[in-house]
Amino acid sequence: MDNIMHKTRQSIQERERIDLVTMLNQTLASTSDLYAQLKHAHWNIKGPQFIAMHKLFDEIAEEIEGHVDTVAERITALGGTAFGTIQDVVKNTQLRVLPTNVFAMEQLLEHVTHNFAILSELCRECMDRSEELDDMATNDIYVDLTRSLDKNLWFLEAHLQK
């Protein structure tokens, strides 16, 4: 992914901003992918707990969508270009593909929760990297996103636990 950088008066040096924008664009792709997977699950889930899971997937998707916007806006605030097209997401997501032939609650939850865990781990790594680069504003975005991912992973995994 080529970084297209724009002039800014940000006090962070350009080399660090390029590193941050690269990292944030990978997060943007993976977070956008997670949002789309949650919407897919929301639309297609079948089974006895349909209405509860239909609503839960939608609520979590809305929360994740807010993080997508926050990440994209941080990219542009750093002078970068937010790569958020569907093509960019497909090329750059770190998540596993959600099979489109899965409809049962447990199977959907297995796939979605696995991707929550992947993204949460990536965010923890980015949290550390943004701290190394002394960008606490980006770090704060990762702290907030990780907190949201962990909370929603708990909500979803609770449906798998006996």
Protein backbone atom coordinates (compact mmCIF):
# COMPACT_ATOMS: atom_id res chain seq x y z
CA MET A 1 0.00 0.00 0.00
CA ASP A 2 1.56 3.24 -1.12
CA ASN A 3 1.28 6.03 1.40
CA ILE A 4 0.02 9.24 -0.11
CA MET A 5 1.05 11.90 2.39
CA HIS A 6 -0.10 15.51 2.54
CA LYS A 7 1.52 18.54 4.10
CA THR A 8 0.61 19.15 7.71
CA ARG A 9 1.87 21.17 10.65
CA GLN A 10 1.65 18.11 12.89
CA SER A 11 4.65 18.03 15.22
CA ILE A 12 5.29 14.34 14.53
CA GLN A 13 8.14 13.86 12.07
CA GLU A 14 7.19 12.65 8.58
CA ARG A 15 9.01 9.29 8.90
CA GLU A 16 7.05 8.49 12.07
CA ARG A 17 3.81 9.72 10.51
CA ILE A 18 4.37 7.38 7.55
CA ASP A 19 4.85 4.45 9.96
CA LEU A 20 1.73 5.42 11.90
CA VAL A 21 -0.37 5.87 8.75
CA THR A 22 0.74 2.47 7.43
CA MET A 23 -0.20 0.83 10.73
CA LEU A 24 -3.50 2.70 10.94
CA ASN A 25 -4.45 1.77 7.35
CA GLN A 26 -3.95 -1.91 8.18
CA THR A 27 -6.19 -1.37 11.20
CA LEU A 28 -8.71 0.47 9.04
CA ALA A 29 -8.89 -2.49 6.65
CA SER A 30 -9.25 -5.07 9.42
CA THR A 31 -11.79 -3.03 11.39
CA SER A 32 -13.83 -2.39 8.23
CA ASP A 33 -13.71 -6.11 7.49
CA LEU A 34 -14.91 -6.94 11.01
CA TYR A 35 -17.78 -4.46 10.60
CA ALA A 36 -18.81 -6.10 7.31
CA GLN A 37 -18.59 -9.57 8.83
CA LEU A 38 -20.81 -8.51 11.74
CA LYS A 39 -23.39 -7.10 9.31
CA HIS A 40 -23.26 -10.33 7.30
CA ALA A 41 -23.87 -12.34 10.49
CA HIS A 42 -26.67 -9.93 11.49
CA TRP A 43 -28.44 -10.41 8.17
CA ASN A 44 -27.96 -14.15 7.80
CA ILE A 45 -28.06 -15.81 11.23
CA LYS A 46 -30.62 -18.60 11.62
CA GLY A 47 -31.81 -20.59 14.60
CA PRO A 48 -33.70 -20.47 17.88
CA GLN A 49 -31.80 -17.45 19.26
CA PHE A 50 -32.26 -15.48 16.04
CA ILE A 51 -33.72 -12.24 17.39
CA ALA A 52 -31.27 -11.88 20.30
CA MET A 53 -28.23 -12.54 18.10
CA HIS A 54 -29.63 -10.49 15.20
CA LYS A 55 -29.85 -7.49 17.54
CA LEU A 56 -26.49 -8.14 19.24
CA PHE A 57 -24.59 -8.40 15.94
CA ASP A 58 -26.18 -5.14 14.80
CA GLU A 59 -25.37 -3.28 18.05
CA ILE A 60 -21.76 -4.41 17.97
CA ALA A 61 -21.46 -3.56 14.26
CA GLU A 62 -22.61 0.00 14.99
CA GLU A 63 -19.98 0.33 17.70
CA ILE A 64 -17.25 -1.01 15.40
CA GLU A 65 -18.38 1.35 12.63
CA GLY A 66 -17.62 4.27 14.94
CA HIS A 67 -14.08 2.99 15.40
CA VAL A 68 -13.66 2.68 11.62
CA ASP A 69 -14.41 6.39 11.29
CA THR A 70 -12.09 7.32 14.16
CA VAL A 71 -9.19 5.36 12.65
CA ALA A 72 -9.75 6.87 9.18
CA GLU A 73 -9.90 10.38 10.59
CA ARG A 74 -6.65 9.86 12.54
CA ILE A 75 -4.95 8.76 9.31
CA THR A 76 -5.96 11.96 7.58
CA ALA A 77 -5.12 14.09 10.63
CA LEU A 78 -1.57 12.72 10.38
CA GLY A 79 -1.43 13.84 6.75
CA GLY A 80 -2.06 10.40 5.32
CA THR A 81 -4.67 9.00 3.00
CA ALA A 82 -7.26 6.63 4.47
CA PHE A 83 -7.52 3.61 2.18
CA GLY A 84 -11.05 2.42 2.89
CA THR A 85 -12.48 1.13 -0.36
CA ILE A 86 -13.74 -2.42 -0.49
CA GLN A 87 -10.76 -3.29 -2.68
CA ASP A 88 -8.35 -1.82 -0.10
CA VAL A 89 -10.05 -3.72 2.71
CA VAL A 90 -9.82 -7.03 0.84
CA LYS A 91 -6.11 -6.48 0.09
CA ASN A 92 -5.10 -5.34 3.57
CA THR A 93 -7.28 -7.03 6.17
CA GLN A 94 -5.55 -9.30 8.65
CA LEU A 95 -8.73 -11.19 9.50
CA ARG A 96 -9.82 -14.63 8.40
CA VAL A 97 -12.44 -14.82 5.68
CA LEU A 98 -15.96 -15.35 7.03
CA PRO A 99 -17.53 -18.22 5.10
CA THR A 100 -20.74 -17.10 3.42
CA ASN A 101 -22.33 -20.54 3.73
CA VAL A 102 -22.46 -20.48 7.55
CA PHE A 103 -25.78 -19.55 9.17
CA ALA A 104 -25.98 -21.37 12.52
CA MET A 105 -25.29 -19.26 15.60
CA GLU A 106 -22.43 -21.35 17.00
CA GLN A 107 -20.58 -21.53 13.70
CA LEU A 108 -20.97 -17.80 13.03
CA LEU A 109 -19.83 -17.03 16.57
CA GLU A 110 -16.77 -19.27 16.21
CA HIS A 111 -15.66 -17.38 13.11
CA VAL A 112 -16.52 -13.89 14.34
CA THR A 113 -14.97 -14.35 17.80
CA HIS A 114 -11.79 -15.66 16.23
CA ASN A 115 -11.55 -12.47 14.18
CA PHE A 116 -12.24 -10.32 17.25
CA ALA A 117 -9.27 -12.02 18.92
CA ILE A 118 -7.04 -11.46 15.88
CA LEU A 119 -7.91 -7.77 15.69
CA SER A 120 -7.53 -7.29 19.42
CA GLU A 121 -4.02 -8.76 19.30
CA LEU A 122 -3.09 -6.56 16.34
CA CYS A 123 -4.37 -3.51 18.22
CA ARG A 124 -2.24 -4.38 21.24
CA GLU A 125 0.82 -4.51 18.98
CA CYS A 126 -0.15 -1.16 17.45
CA MET A 127 -0.70 0.26 20.91
CA ASP A 128 2.90 -0.60 21.77
CA ARG A 129 4.22 0.75 18.45
CA SER A 130 2.35 4.05 18.72
CA GLU A 131 3.76 4.48 22.22
CA GLU A 132 7.28 3.81 20.90
CA LEU A 133 6.67 6.52 18.30
CA ASP A 134 5.52 8.84 21.11
CA ASP A 135 2.08 9.38 19.54
CA MET A 136 -0.24 9.15 22.49
CA ALA A 137 -3.23 10.36 20.44
CA THR A 138 -2.95 7.31 18.18
CA ASN A 139 -2.19 5.17 21.22
CA ASP A 140 -5.42 6.37 22.81
CA ILE A 141 -7.37 5.27 19.72
CA TYR A 142 -5.86 1.80 20.05
CA VAL A 143 -6.62 1.66 23.78
CA ASP A 144 -10.26 2.55 23.12
CA LEU A 145 -10.58 0.14 20.19
CA THR A 146 -8.99 -2.70 22.17
CA ARG A 147 -11.30 -2.05 25.11
CA SER A 148 -14.31 -2.23 22.76
CA LEU A 149 -13.06 -5.40 21.07
CA ASP A 150 -12.40 -7.14 24.39
CA LYS A 151 -15.82 -6.20 25.77
CA ASN A 152 -17.66 -7.36 22.67
CA LEU A 153 -15.61 -10.54 22.43
CA TRP A 154 -16.79 -11.29 25.97
CA PHE A 155 -20.42 -10.64 24.96
CA LEU A 156 -20.14 -12.94 21.97
CA GLU A 157 -18.13 -15.71 23.64
CA ALA A 158 -20.66 -15.89 26.47
CA HIS A 159 -23.08 -17.43 23.94
CA LEU A 160 -20.57 -20.23 23.26
CA GLN A 161 -19.85 -21.07 26.88
CA LYS A 162 -21.77 -23.81 28.64
